[in-house]
Amino acid sequence: MNNDAKTFSYLAYIGPLCLIGLFSDLRKNPTLRFHLNQGLVLFLCEMAALIIHAIINSLIGGFFLLNIIPAFLFSFIGLCSLVLSLIGIFNVATNKLNPLPVIGGVNILR
């Protein structure tokens, strides 16, 4: 894999930066495409969790005790997202195509 494809593969695991690789000329590279898919699925899961958290917070309102559980769950999801991103970056660094745990089987890009 050339340096540009590797750079885009690293960026795929950093939130919205995964979109940069989708618009590059190298998106046909199968290794880059694998990492772009993994990063895009991770990013979409993060956005879904953020939207669900916002909806729950707006429904609960200002009840402090009721906000503890959603805040804890959202923090846990954020930590899991960070761990999955680090696993993906490690896979890029070691030139492996290992799918991420839990979300690795989802294919958005064909």
PDB file of N, CA and C in Angstrom:
ATOM      1  N   MET A   1       0.860  -1.177   0.000  1.00  0.00           N
ATOM      2  CA  MET A   1       0.000   0.000   0.000  1.00  0.00           C
ATOM      3  C   MET A   1       0.903   1.236   0.000  1.00  0.00           C
ATOM      4  N   ASN A   2       0.578   2.190  -0.867  1.00  0.00           N
ATOM      5  CA  ASN A   2       1.422   3.390  -0.920  1.00  0.00           C
ATOM      6  C   ASN A   2       1.123   4.318   0.264  1.00  0.00           C
ATOM      7  N   ASN A   3       1.955   5.343   0.395  1.00  0.00           N
ATOM      8  CA  ASN A   3       1.855   6.233   1.561  1.00  0.00           C
ATOM      9  C   ASN A   3       0.541   7.004   1.615  1.00  0.00           C
ATOM     10  N   ASP A   4       0.026   7.422   0.462  1.00  0.00           N
ATOM     11  CA  ASP A   4      -1.241   8.163   0.457  1.00  0.00           C
ATOM     12  C   ASP A   4      -2.394   7.282   0.928  1.00  0.00           C
ATOM     13  N   ALA A   5      -2.432   6.046   0.438  1.00  0.00           N
ATOM     14  CA  ALA A   5      -3.496   5.130   0.854  1.00  0.00           C
ATOM     15  C   ALA A   5      -3.383   4.824   2.343  1.00  0.00           C
ATOM     16  N   LYS A   6      -2.166   4.709   2.834  1.00  0.00           N
ATOM     17  CA  LYS A   6      -1.981   4.436   4.260  1.00  0.00           C
ATOM     18  C   LYS A   6      -2.429   5.637   5.105  1.00  0.00           C
ATOM     19  N   THR A   7      -2.137   6.831   4.637  1.00  0.00           N
ATOM     20  CA  THR A   7      -2.563   8.046   5.344  1.00  0.00           C
ATOM     21  C   THR A   7      -4.087   8.118   5.400  1.00  0.00           C
ATOM     22  N   PHE A   8      -4.748   7.858   4.261  1.00  0.00           N
ATOM     23  CA  PHE A   8      -6.208   7.866   4.242  1.00  0.00           C
ATOM     24  C   PHE A   8      -6.774   6.749   5.121  1.00  0.00           C
ATOM     25  N   SER A   9      -6.056   5.622   5.213  1.00  0.00           N
ATOM     26  CA  SER A   9      -6.504   4.530   6.080  1.00  0.00           C
ATOM     27  C   SER A   9      -6.448   4.936   7.539  1.00  0.00           C
ATOM     28  N   TYR A  10      -5.388   5.655   7.923  1.00  0.00           N
ATOM     29  CA  TYR A  10      -5.321   6.173   9.297  1.00  0.00           C
ATOM     30  C   TYR A  10      -6.468   7.146   9.562  1.00  0.00           C
ATOM     31  N   LEU A  11      -6.704   8.047   8.616  1.00  0.00           N
ATOM     32  CA  LEU A  11      -7.756   9.052   8.795  1.00  0.00           C
ATOM     33  C   LEU A  11      -9.145   8.431   8.877  1.00  0.00           C
ATOM     34  N   ALA A  12      -9.304   7.236   8.310  1.00  0.00           N
ATOM     35  CA  ALA A  12     -10.614   6.581   8.305  1.00  0.00           C
ATOM     36  C   ALA A  12     -11.124   6.305   9.709  1.00  0.00           C
ATOM     37  N   TYR A  13     -10.231   6.194  10.670  1.00  0.00           N
ATOM     38  CA  TYR A  13     -10.636   5.860  12.039  1.00  0.00           C
ATOM     39  C   TYR A  13     -10.742   7.083  12.940  1.00  0.00           C
ATOM     40  N   ILE A  14     -10.668   8.278  12.361  1.00  0.00           N
ATOM     41  CA  ILE A  14     -10.730   9.502  13.163  1.00  0.00           C
ATOM     42  C   ILE A  14     -12.008  10.270  12.811  1.00  0.00           C
ATOM     43  N   GLY A  15     -13.122   9.773  13.318  1.00  0.00           N
ATOM     44  CA  GLY A  15     -14.415  10.443  13.186  1.00  0.00           C
ATOM     45  C   GLY A  15     -14.769  10.857  11.777  1.00  0.00           C
ATOM     46  N   PRO A  16     -15.151  12.113  11.588  1.00  0.00           N
ATOM     47  CA  PRO A  16     -15.606  12.563  10.267  1.00  0.00           C
ATOM     48  C   PRO A  16     -14.494  12.612   9.217  1.00  0.00           C
ATOM     49  N   LEU A  17     -13.253  12.451   9.625  1.00  0.00           N
ATOM     50  CA  LEU A  17     -12.166  12.453   8.655  1.00  0.00           C
ATOM     51  C   LEU A  17     -12.216  11.230   7.740  1.00  0.00           C
ATOM     52  N   CYS A  18     -13.055  10.244   8.087  1.00  0.00           N
ATOM     53  CA  CYS A  18     -13.203   9.076   7.213  1.00  0.00           C
ATOM     54  C   CYS A  18     -13.789   9.495   5.863  1.00  0.00           C
ATOM     55  N   LEU A  19     -14.508  10.594   5.823  1.00  0.00           N
ATOM     56  CA  LEU A  19     -15.121  11.057   4.586  1.00  0.00           C
ATOM     57  C   LEU A  19     -14.091  11.546   3.573  1.00  0.00           C
ATOM     58  N   ILE A  20     -12.927  11.969   4.036  1.00  0.00           N
ATOM     59  CA  ILE A  20     -11.886  12.461   3.131  1.00  0.00           C
ATOM     60  C   ILE A  20     -11.456  11.361   2.168  1.00  0.00           C
ATOM     61  N   GLY A  21     -11.252  10.165   2.684  1.00  0.00           N
ATOM     62  CA  GLY A  21     -10.820   9.053   1.836  1.00  0.00           C
ATOM     63  C   GLY A  21     -11.859   8.644   0.813  1.00  0.00           C
ATOM     64  N   LEU A  22     -13.139   8.874   1.117  1.00  0.00           N
ATOM     65  CA  LEU A  22     -14.200   8.527   0.172  1.00  0.00           C
ATOM     66  C   LEU A  22     -14.149   9.374  -1.085  1.00  0.00           C
ATOM     67  N   PHE A  23     -13.590  10.564  -0.978  1.00  0.00           N
ATOM     68  CA  PHE A  23     -13.527  11.466  -2.122  1.00  0.00           C
ATOM     69  C   PHE A  23     -12.164  11.464  -2.807  1.00  0.00           C
ATOM     70  N   SER A  24     -11.280  10.578  -2.383  1.00  0.00           N
ATOM     71  CA  SER A  24      -9.949  10.532  -2.990  1.00  0.00           C
ATOM     72  C   SER A  24      -9.955   9.618  -4.216  1.00  0.00           C
ATOM     73  N   ASP A  25      -8.918   9.749  -5.028  1.00  0.00           N
ATOM     74  CA  ASP A  25      -8.768   8.901  -6.211  1.00  0.00           C
ATOM     75  C   ASP A  25      -8.378   7.480  -5.836  1.00  0.00           C
ATOM     76  N   LEU A  26      -7.906   7.283  -4.623  1.00  0.00           N
ATOM     77  CA  LEU A  26      -7.408   5.983  -4.194  1.00  0.00           C
ATOM     78  C   LEU A  26      -8.490   5.079  -3.609  1.00  0.00           C
ATOM     79  N   ARG A  27      -9.739   5.526  -3.609  1.00  0.00           N
ATOM     80  CA  ARG A  27     -10.797   4.760  -2.943  1.00  0.00           C
ATOM     81  C   ARG A  27     -11.031   3.390  -3.576  1.00  0.00           C
ATOM     82  N   LYS A  28     -10.479   3.136  -4.745  1.00  0.00           N
ATOM     83  CA  LYS A  28     -10.603   1.827  -5.389  1.00  0.00           C
ATOM     84  C   LYS A  28      -9.608   0.811  -4.816  1.00  0.00           C
ATOM     85  N   ASN A  29      -8.608   1.294  -4.081  1.00  0.00           N
ATOM     86  CA  ASN A  29      -7.625   0.416  -3.454  1.00  0.00           C
ATOM     87  C   ASN A  29      -8.367  -0.478  -2.450  1.00  0.00           C
ATOM     88  N   PRO A  30      -8.260  -1.826  -2.581  1.00  0.00           N
ATOM     89  CA  PRO A  30      -9.046  -2.707  -1.702  1.00  0.00           C
ATOM     90  C   PRO A  30      -8.700  -2.576  -0.215  1.00  0.00           C
ATOM     91  N   THR A  31      -7.444  -2.346   0.105  1.00  0.00           N
ATOM     92  CA  THR A  31      -7.060  -2.184   1.511  1.00  0.00           C
ATOM     93  C   THR A  31      -7.636  -0.892   2.073  1.00  0.00           C
ATOM     94  N   LEU A  32      -7.505   0.190   1.320  1.00  0.00           N
ATOM     95  CA  LEU A  32      -8.067   1.468   1.762  1.00  0.00           C
ATOM     96  C   LEU A  32      -9.584   1.354   1.871  1.00  0.00           C
ATOM     97  N   ARG A  33     -10.204   0.701   0.917  1.00  0.00           N
ATOM     98  CA  ARG A  33     -11.655   0.542   0.935  1.00  0.00           C
ATOM     99  C   ARG A  33     -12.110  -0.223   2.186  1.00  0.00           C
ATOM    100  N   PHE A  34     -11.359  -1.245   2.578  1.00  0.00           N
ATOM    101  CA  PHE A  34     -11.680  -1.991   3.800  1.00  0.00           C
ATOM    102  C   PHE A  34     -11.646  -1.067   5.013  1.00  0.00           C
ATOM    103  N   HIS A  35     -10.570  -0.288   5.146  1.00  0.00           N
ATOM    104  CA  HIS A  35     -10.444   0.600   6.306  1.00  0.00           C
ATOM    105  C   HIS A  35     -11.456   1.742   6.250  1.00  0.00           C
ATOM    106  N   LEU A  36     -11.765   2.234   5.045  1.00  0.00           N
ATOM    107  CA  LEU A  36     -12.789   3.267   4.925  1.00  0.00           C
ATOM    108  C   LEU A  36     -14.147   2.734   5.378  1.00  0.00           C
ATOM    109  N   ASN A  37     -14.461   1.504   5.001  1.00  0.00           N
ATOM    110  CA  ASN A  37     -15.722   0.903   5.424  1.00  0.00           C
ATOM    111  C   ASN A  37     -15.782   0.778   6.945  1.00  0.00           C
ATOM    112  N   GLN A  38     -14.702   0.281   7.545  1.00  0.00           N
ATOM    113  CA  GLN A  38     -14.664   0.115   8.996  1.00  0.00           C
ATOM    114  C   GLN A  38     -14.817   1.474   9.694  1.00  0.00           C
ATOM    115  N   GLY A  39     -14.098   2.468   9.221  1.00  0.00           N
ATOM    116  CA  GLY A  39     -14.162   3.797   9.816  1.00  0.00           C
ATOM    117  C   GLY A  39     -15.522   4.453   9.635  1.00  0.00           C
ATOM    118  N   LEU A  40     -16.130   4.248   8.471  1.00  0.00           N
ATOM    119  CA  LEU A  40     -17.446   4.830   8.210  1.00  0.00           C
ATOM    120  C   LEU A  40     -18.511   4.194   9.095  1.00  0.00           C
ATOM    121  N   VAL A  41     -18.467   2.890   9.263  1.00  0.00           N
ATOM    122  CA  VAL A  41     -19.413   2.209  10.151  1.00  0.00           C
ATOM    123  C   VAL A  41     -19.237   2.710  11.585  1.00  0.00           C
ATOM    124  N   LEU A  42     -17.996   2.840  12.021  1.00  0.00           N
ATOM    125  CA  LEU A  42     -17.720   3.347  13.370  1.00  0.00           C
ATOM    126  C   LEU A  42     -18.254   4.772  13.530  1.00  0.00           C
ATOM    127  N   PHE A  43     -18.016   5.622  12.550  1.00  0.00           N
ATOM    128  CA  PHE A  43     -18.482   7.003  12.605  1.00  0.00           C
ATOM    129  C   PHE A  43     -20.010   7.069  12.645  1.00  0.00           C
ATOM    130  N   LEU A  44     -20.681   6.252  11.834  1.00  0.00           N
ATOM    131  CA  LEU A  44     -22.145   6.256  11.832  1.00  0.00           C
ATOM    132  C   LEU A  44     -22.705   5.754  13.158  1.00  0.00           C
ATOM    133  N   CYS A  45     -22.047   4.785  13.766  1.00  0.00           N
ATOM    134  CA  CYS A  45     -22.467   4.313  15.094  1.00  0.00           C
ATOM    135  C   CYS A  45     -22.292   5.411  16.136  1.00  0.00           C
ATOM    136  N   GLU A  46     -21.199   6.153  16.044  1.00  0.00           N
ATOM    137  CA  GLU A  46     -20.972   7.270  16.970  1.00  0.00           C
ATOM    138  C   GLU A  46     -22.058   8.323  16.815  1.00  0.00           C
ATOM    139  N   MET A  47     -22.411   8.649  15.567  1.00  0.00           N
ATOM    140  CA  MET A  47     -23.439   9.664  15.317  1.00  0.00           C
ATOM    141  C   MET A  47     -24.809   9.186  15.800  1.00  0.00           C
ATOM    142  N   ALA A  48     -25.121   7.909  15.599  1.00  0.00           N
ATOM    143  CA  ALA A  48     -26.394   7.365  16.079  1.00  0.00           C
ATOM    144  C   ALA A  48     -26.460   7.440  17.603  1.00  0.00           C
ATOM    145  N   ALA A  49     -25.372   7.100  18.277  1.00  0.00           N
ATOM    146  CA  ALA A  49     -25.331   7.169  19.737  1.00  0.00           C
ATOM    147  C   ALA A  49     -25.500   8.615  20.215  1.00  0.00           C
ATOM    148  N   LEU A  50     -24.889   9.549  19.508  1.00  0.00           N
ATOM    149  CA  LEU A  50     -25.004  10.961  19.872  1.00  0.00           C
ATOM    150  C   LEU A  50     -26.448  11.447  19.725  1.00  0.00           C
ATOM    151  N   ILE A  51     -27.105  11.056  18.652  1.00  0.00           N
ATOM    152  CA  ILE A  51     -28.492  11.473  18.425  1.00  0.00           C
ATOM    153  C   ILE A  51     -29.417  10.863  19.485  1.00  0.00           C
ATOM    154  N   ILE A  52     -29.221   9.585  19.769  1.00  0.00           N
ATOM    155  CA  ILE A  52     -30.041   8.927  20.784  1.00  0.00           C
ATOM    156  C   ILE A  52     -29.826   9.567  22.149  1.00  0.00           C
ATOM    157  N   HIS A  53     -28.582   9.896  22.465  1.00  0.00           N
ATOM    158  CA  HIS A  53     -28.279  10.559  23.738  1.00  0.00           C
ATOM    159  C   HIS A  53     -28.958  11.924  23.820  1.00  0.00           C
ATOM    160  N   ALA A  54     -28.937  12.675  22.730  1.00  0.00           N
ATOM    161  CA  ALA A  54     -29.574  13.992  22.722  1.00  0.00           C
ATOM    162  C   ALA A  54     -31.084  13.877  22.902  1.00  0.00           C
ATOM    163  N   ILE A  55     -31.691  12.889  22.272  1.00  0.00           N
ATOM    164  CA  ILE A  55     -33.136  12.689  22.415  1.00  0.00           C
ATOM    165  C   ILE A  55     -33.484  12.320  23.851  1.00  0.00           C
ATOM    166  N   ILE A  56     -32.713  11.407  24.429  1.00  0.00           N
ATOM    167  CA  ILE A  56     -32.974  11.003  25.818  1.00  0.00           C
ATOM    168  C   ILE A  56     -32.806  12.189  26.764  1.00  0.00           C
ATOM    169  N   ASN A  57     -31.768  12.977  26.555  1.00  0.00           N
ATOM    170  CA  ASN A  57     -31.555  14.154  27.414  1.00  0.00           C
ATOM    171  C   ASN A  57     -32.689  15.158  27.285  1.00  0.00           C
ATOM    172  N   SER A  58     -33.203  15.340  26.079  1.00  0.00           N
ATOM    173  CA  SER A  58     -34.295  16.296  25.919  1.00  0.00           C
ATOM    174  C   SER A  58     -35.586  15.776  26.537  1.00  0.00           C
ATOM    175  N   LEU A  59     -35.777  14.465  26.547  1.00  0.00           N
ATOM    176  CA  LEU A  59     -36.980  13.899  27.168  1.00  0.00           C
ATOM    177  C   LEU A  59     -36.902  13.929  28.684  1.00  0.00           C
ATOM    178  N   ILE A  60     -35.716  13.677  29.221  1.00  0.00           N
ATOM    179  CA  ILE A  60     -35.544  13.653  30.674  1.00  0.00           C
ATOM    180  C   ILE A  60     -35.570  15.062  31.245  1.00  0.00           C
ATOM    181  N   GLY A  61     -34.989  15.983  30.524  1.00  0.00           N
ATOM    182  CA  GLY A  61     -34.967  17.364  30.982  1.00  0.00           C
ATOM    183  C   GLY A  61     -33.952  17.600  32.078  1.00  0.00           C
ATOM    184  N   GLY A  62     -34.329  18.346  33.084  1.00  0.00           N
ATOM    185  CA  GLY A  62     -33.402  18.758  34.127  1.00  0.00           C
ATOM    186  C   GLY A  62     -33.350  17.858  35.344  1.00  0.00           C
ATOM    187  N   PHE A  63     -33.907  16.677  35.271  1.00  0.00           N
ATOM    188  CA  PHE A  63     -33.871  15.766  36.413  1.00  0.00           C
ATOM    189  C   PHE A  63     -32.482  15.161  36.533  1.00  0.00           C
ATOM    190  N   PHE A  64     -31.710  15.664  37.486  1.00  0.00           N
ATOM    191  CA  PHE A  64     -30.298  15.282  37.608  1.00  0.00           C
ATOM    192  C   PHE A  64     -30.112  13.789  37.813  1.00  0.00           C
ATOM    193  N   LEU A  65     -30.879  13.202  38.695  1.00  0.00           N
ATOM    194  CA  LEU A  65     -30.700  11.782  39.008  1.00  0.00           C
ATOM    195  C   LEU A  65     -31.020  10.886  37.812  1.00  0.00           C
ATOM    196  N   LEU A  66     -31.958  11.306  36.988  1.00  0.00           N
ATOM    197  CA  LEU A  66     -32.296  10.514  35.808  1.00  0.00           C
ATOM    198  C   LEU A  66     -31.252  10.666  34.698  1.00  0.00           C
ATOM    199  N   ASN A  67     -30.470  11.726  34.734  1.00  0.00           N
ATOM    200  CA  ASN A  67     -29.439  11.951  33.715  1.00  0.00           C
ATOM    201  C   ASN A  67     -28.182  11.138  33.957  1.00  0.00           C
ATOM    202  N   ILE A  68     -28.026  10.557  35.134  1.00  0.00           N
ATOM    203  CA  ILE A  68     -26.803   9.831  35.464  1.00  0.00           C
ATOM    204  C   ILE A  68     -26.642   8.586  34.584  1.00  0.00           C
ATOM    205  N   ILE A  69     -27.703   7.820  34.424  1.00  0.00           N
ATOM    206  CA  ILE A  69     -27.606   6.573  33.653  1.00  0.00           C
ATOM    207  C   ILE A  69     -27.317   6.842  32.174  1.00  0.00           C
ATOM    208  N   PRO A  70     -28.050   7.727  31.490  1.00  0.00           N
ATOM    209  CA  PRO A  70     -27.701   7.991  30.085  1.00  0.00           C
ATOM    210  C   PRO A  70     -26.296   8.583  29.927  1.00  0.00           C
ATOM    211  N   ALA A  71     -25.889   9.409  30.874  1.00  0.00           N
ATOM    212  CA  ALA A  71     -24.539   9.985  30.788  1.00  0.00           C
ATOM    213  C   ALA A  71     -23.484   8.893  30.940  1.00  0.00           C
ATOM    214  N   PHE A  72     -23.710   7.970  31.847  1.00  0.00           N
ATOM    215  CA  PHE A  72     -22.773   6.855  32.022  1.00  0.00           C
ATOM    216  C   PHE A  72     -22.727   5.982  30.775  1.00  0.00           C
ATOM    217  N   LEU A  73     -23.894   5.668  30.208  1.00  0.00           N
ATOM    218  CA  LEU A  73     -23.941   4.832  29.011  1.00  0.00           C
ATOM    219  C   LEU A  73     -23.260   5.521  27.826  1.00  0.00           C
ATOM    220  N   PHE A  74     -23.482   6.828  27.668  1.00  0.00           N
ATOM    221  CA  PHE A  74     -22.858   7.546  26.564  1.00  0.00           C
ATOM    222  C   PHE A  74     -21.342   7.614  26.750  1.00  0.00           C
ATOM    223  N   SER A  75     -20.893   7.768  27.985  1.00  0.00           N
ATOM    224  CA  SER A  75     -19.454   7.751  28.260  1.00  0.00           C
ATOM    225  C   SER A  75     -18.858   6.387  27.931  1.00  0.00           C
ATOM    226  N   PHE A  76     -19.579   5.326  28.262  1.00  0.00           N
ATOM    227  CA  PHE A  76     -19.126   3.968  27.946  1.00  0.00           C
ATOM    228  C   PHE A  76     -19.046   3.760  26.436  1.00  0.00           C
ATOM    229  N   ILE A  77     -20.051   4.248  25.709  1.00  0.00           N
ATOM    230  CA  ILE A  77     -20.037   4.130  24.248  1.00  0.00           C
ATOM    231  C   ILE A  77     -18.881   4.924  23.664  1.00  0.00           C
ATOM    232  N   GLY A  78     -18.596   6.102  24.209  1.00  0.00           N
ATOM    233  CA  GLY A  78     -17.451   6.895  23.753  1.00  0.00           C
ATOM    234  C   GLY A  78     -16.133   6.190  23.997  1.00  0.00           C
ATOM    235  N   LEU A  79     -16.003   5.550  25.134  1.00  0.00           N
ATOM    236  CA  LEU A  79     -14.791   4.793  25.435  1.00  0.00           C
ATOM    237  C   LEU A  79     -14.642   3.606  24.483  1.00  0.00           C
ATOM    238  N   CYS A  80     -15.745   2.901  24.221  1.00  0.00           N
ATOM    239  CA  CYS A  80     -15.708   1.783  23.268  1.00  0.00           C
ATOM    240  C   CYS A  80     -15.320   2.260  21.875  1.00  0.00           C
ATOM    241  N   SER A  81     -15.828   3.408  21.485  1.00  0.00           N
ATOM    242  CA  SER A  81     -15.498   3.984  20.185  1.00  0.00           C
ATOM    243  C   SER A  81     -14.014   4.319  20.094  1.00  0.00           C
ATOM    244  N   LEU A  82     -13.472   4.859  21.156  1.00  0.00           N
ATOM    245  CA  LEU A  82     -12.044   5.170  21.194  1.00  0.00           C
ATOM    246  C   LEU A  82     -11.207   3.900  21.070  1.00  0.00           C
ATOM    247  N   VAL A  83     -11.598   2.864  21.794  1.00  0.00           N
ATOM    248  CA  VAL A  83     -10.864   1.588  21.734  1.00  0.00           C
ATOM    249  C   VAL A  83     -10.932   1.000  20.326  1.00  0.00           C
ATOM    250  N   LEU A  84     -12.117   1.026  19.703  1.00  0.00           N
ATOM    251  CA  LEU A  84     -12.249   0.501  18.346  1.00  0.00           C
ATOM    252  C   LEU A  84     -11.413   1.306  17.353  1.00  0.00           C
ATOM    253  N   SER A  85     -11.364   2.620  17.533  1.00  0.00           N
ATOM    254  CA  SER A  85     -10.519   3.458  16.664  1.00  0.00           C
ATOM    255  C   SER A  85      -9.050   3.083  16.820  1.00  0.00           C
ATOM    256  N   LEU A  86      -8.612   2.882  18.043  1.00  0.00           N
ATOM    257  CA  LEU A  86      -7.217   2.508  18.278  1.00  0.00           C
ATOM    258  C   LEU A  86      -6.899   1.133  17.695  1.00  0.00           C
ATOM    259  N   ILE A  87      -7.849   0.204  17.776  1.00  0.00           N
ATOM    260  CA  ILE A  87      -7.645  -1.113  17.166  1.00  0.00           C
ATOM    261  C   ILE A  87      -7.512  -0.965  15.651  1.00  0.00           C
ATOM    262  N   GLY A  88      -8.367  -0.148  15.056  1.00  0.00           N
ATOM    263  CA  GLY A  88      -8.295   0.086  13.616  1.00  0.00           C
ATOM    264  C   GLY A  88      -6.983   0.727  13.202  1.00  0.00           C
ATOM    265  N   ILE A  89      -6.523   1.715  13.948  1.00  0.00           N
ATOM    266  CA  ILE A  89      -5.245   2.373  13.643  1.00  0.00           C
ATOM    267  C   ILE A  89      -4.095   1.384  13.790  1.00  0.00           C
ATOM    268  N   PHE A  90      -4.156   0.515  14.797  1.00  0.00           N
ATOM    269  CA  PHE A  90      -3.139  -0.516  14.975  1.00  0.00           C
ATOM    270  C   PHE A  90      -3.141  -1.478  13.785  1.00  0.00           C
ATOM    271  N   ASN A  91      -4.343  -1.829  13.291  1.00  0.00           N
ATOM    272  CA  ASN A  91      -4.427  -2.705  12.122  1.00  0.00           C
ATOM    273  C   ASN A  91      -3.808  -2.058  10.883  1.00  0.00           C
ATOM    274  N   VAL A  92      -3.999  -0.762  10.722  1.00  0.00           N
ATOM    275  CA  VAL A  92      -3.373  -0.057   9.596  1.00  0.00           C
ATOM    276  C   VAL A  92      -1.855  -0.081   9.752  1.00  0.00           C
ATOM    277  N   ALA A  93      -1.382   0.202  10.954  1.00  0.00           N
ATOM    278  CA  ALA A  93       0.069   0.263  11.194  1.00  0.00           C
ATOM    279  C   ALA A  93       0.738  -1.086  10.958  1.00  0.00           C
ATOM    280  N   THR A  94       0.031  -2.185  11.230  1.00  0.00           N
ATOM    281  CA  THR A  94       0.614  -3.518  11.074  1.00  0.00           C
ATOM    282  C   THR A  94       0.196  -4.187   9.767  1.00  0.00           C
ATOM    283  N   ASN A  95      -0.444  -3.423   8.876  1.00  0.00           N
ATOM    284  CA  ASN A  95      -0.877  -3.923   7.561  1.00  0.00           C
ATOM    285  C   ASN A  95      -1.779  -5.150   7.659  1.00  0.00           C
ATOM    286  N   LYS A  96      -2.721  -5.132   8.606  1.00  0.00           N
ATOM    287  CA  LYS A  96      -3.661  -6.233   8.777  1.00  0.00           C
ATOM    288  C   LYS A  96      -5.060  -5.789   8.354  1.00  0.00           C
ATOM    289  N   LEU A  97      -5.838  -6.734   7.888  1.00  0.00           N
ATOM    290  CA  LEU A  97      -7.213  -6.460   7.503  1.00  0.00           C
ATOM    291  C   LEU A  97      -8.181  -7.166   8.453  1.00  0.00           C
ATOM    292  N   ASN A  98      -7.920  -7.044   9.730  1.00  0.00           N
ATOM    293  CA  ASN A  98      -8.784  -7.651  10.736  1.00  0.00           C
ATOM    294  C   ASN A  98     -10.019  -6.769  10.944  1.00  0.00           C
ATOM    295  N   PRO A  99     -11.220  -7.355  10.863  1.00  0.00           N
ATOM    296  CA  PRO A  99     -12.410  -6.551  11.129  1.00  0.00           C
ATOM    297  C   PRO A  99     -12.488  -6.154  12.600  1.00  0.00           C
ATOM    298  N   LEU A 100     -13.069  -5.003  12.839  1.00  0.00           N
ATOM    299  CA  LEU A 100     -13.232  -4.515  14.208  1.00  0.00           C
ATOM    300  C   LEU A 100     -14.236  -5.394  14.948  1.00  0.00           C
ATOM    301  N   PRO A 101     -14.048  -5.565  16.252  1.00  0.00           N
ATOM    302  CA  PRO A 101     -15.033  -6.323  17.034  1.00  0.00           C
ATOM    303  C   PRO A 101     -16.407  -5.643  16.981  1.00  0.00           C
ATOM    304  N   VAL A 102     -17.444  -6.411  17.024  1.00  0.00           N
ATOM    305  CA  VAL A 102     -18.847  -6.013  17.066  1.00  0.00           C
ATOM    306  C   VAL A 102     -19.335  -5.423  15.731  1.00  0.00           C
ATOM    307  N   ILE A 103     -18.667  -4.418  15.191  1.00  0.00           N
ATOM    308  CA  ILE A 103     -19.156  -3.739  13.987  1.00  0.00           C
ATOM    309  C   ILE A 103     -18.421  -4.173  12.723  1.00  0.00           C
ATOM    310  N   GLY A 104     -17.458  -5.047  12.840  1.00  0.00           N
ATOM    311  CA  GLY A 104     -16.615  -5.413  11.699  1.00  0.00           C
ATOM    312  C   GLY A 104     -17.332  -6.148  10.590  1.00  0.00           C
ATOM    313  N   GLY A 105     -18.465  -6.759  10.867  1.00  0.00           N
ATOM    314  CA  GLY A 105     -19.178  -7.504   9.845  1.00  0.00           C
ATOM    315  C   GLY A 105     -20.102  -6.670   8.974  1.00  0.00           C
ATOM    316  N   VAL A 106     -20.257  -5.400   9.292  1.00  0.00           N
ATOM    317  CA  VAL A 106     -21.151  -4.522   8.527  1.00  0.00           C
ATOM    318  C   VAL A 106     -20.393  -3.951   7.339  1.00  0.00           C
ATOM    319  N   ASN A 107     -20.963  -4.118   6.147  1.00  0.00           N
ATOM    320  CA  ASN A 107     -20.346  -3.589   4.938  1.00  0.00           C
ATOM    321  C   ASN A 107     -21.241  -2.532   4.313  1.00  0.00           C
ATOM    322  N   ILE A 108     -20.777  -1.303   4.312  1.00  0.00           N
ATOM    323  CA  ILE A 108     -21.505  -0.209   3.674  1.00  0.00           C
ATOM    324  C   ILE A 108     -20.962   0.006   2.268  1.00  0.00           C
ATOM    325  N   LEU A 109     -19.649  -0.012   2.145  1.00  0.00           N
ATOM    326  CA  LEU A 109     -18.997   0.172   0.843  1.00  0.00           C
ATOM    327  C   LEU A 109     -18.854  -1.177   0.162  1.00  0.00           C
ATOM    328  N   ARG A 110     -19.234  -1.250  -1.063  1.00  0.00           N
ATOM    329  CA  ARG A 110     -19.113  -2.525  -1.802  1.00  0.00           C
ATOM    330  C   ARG A 110     -18.022  -2.447  -2.822  1.00  0.00           C
TER     331      ARG A 110
END
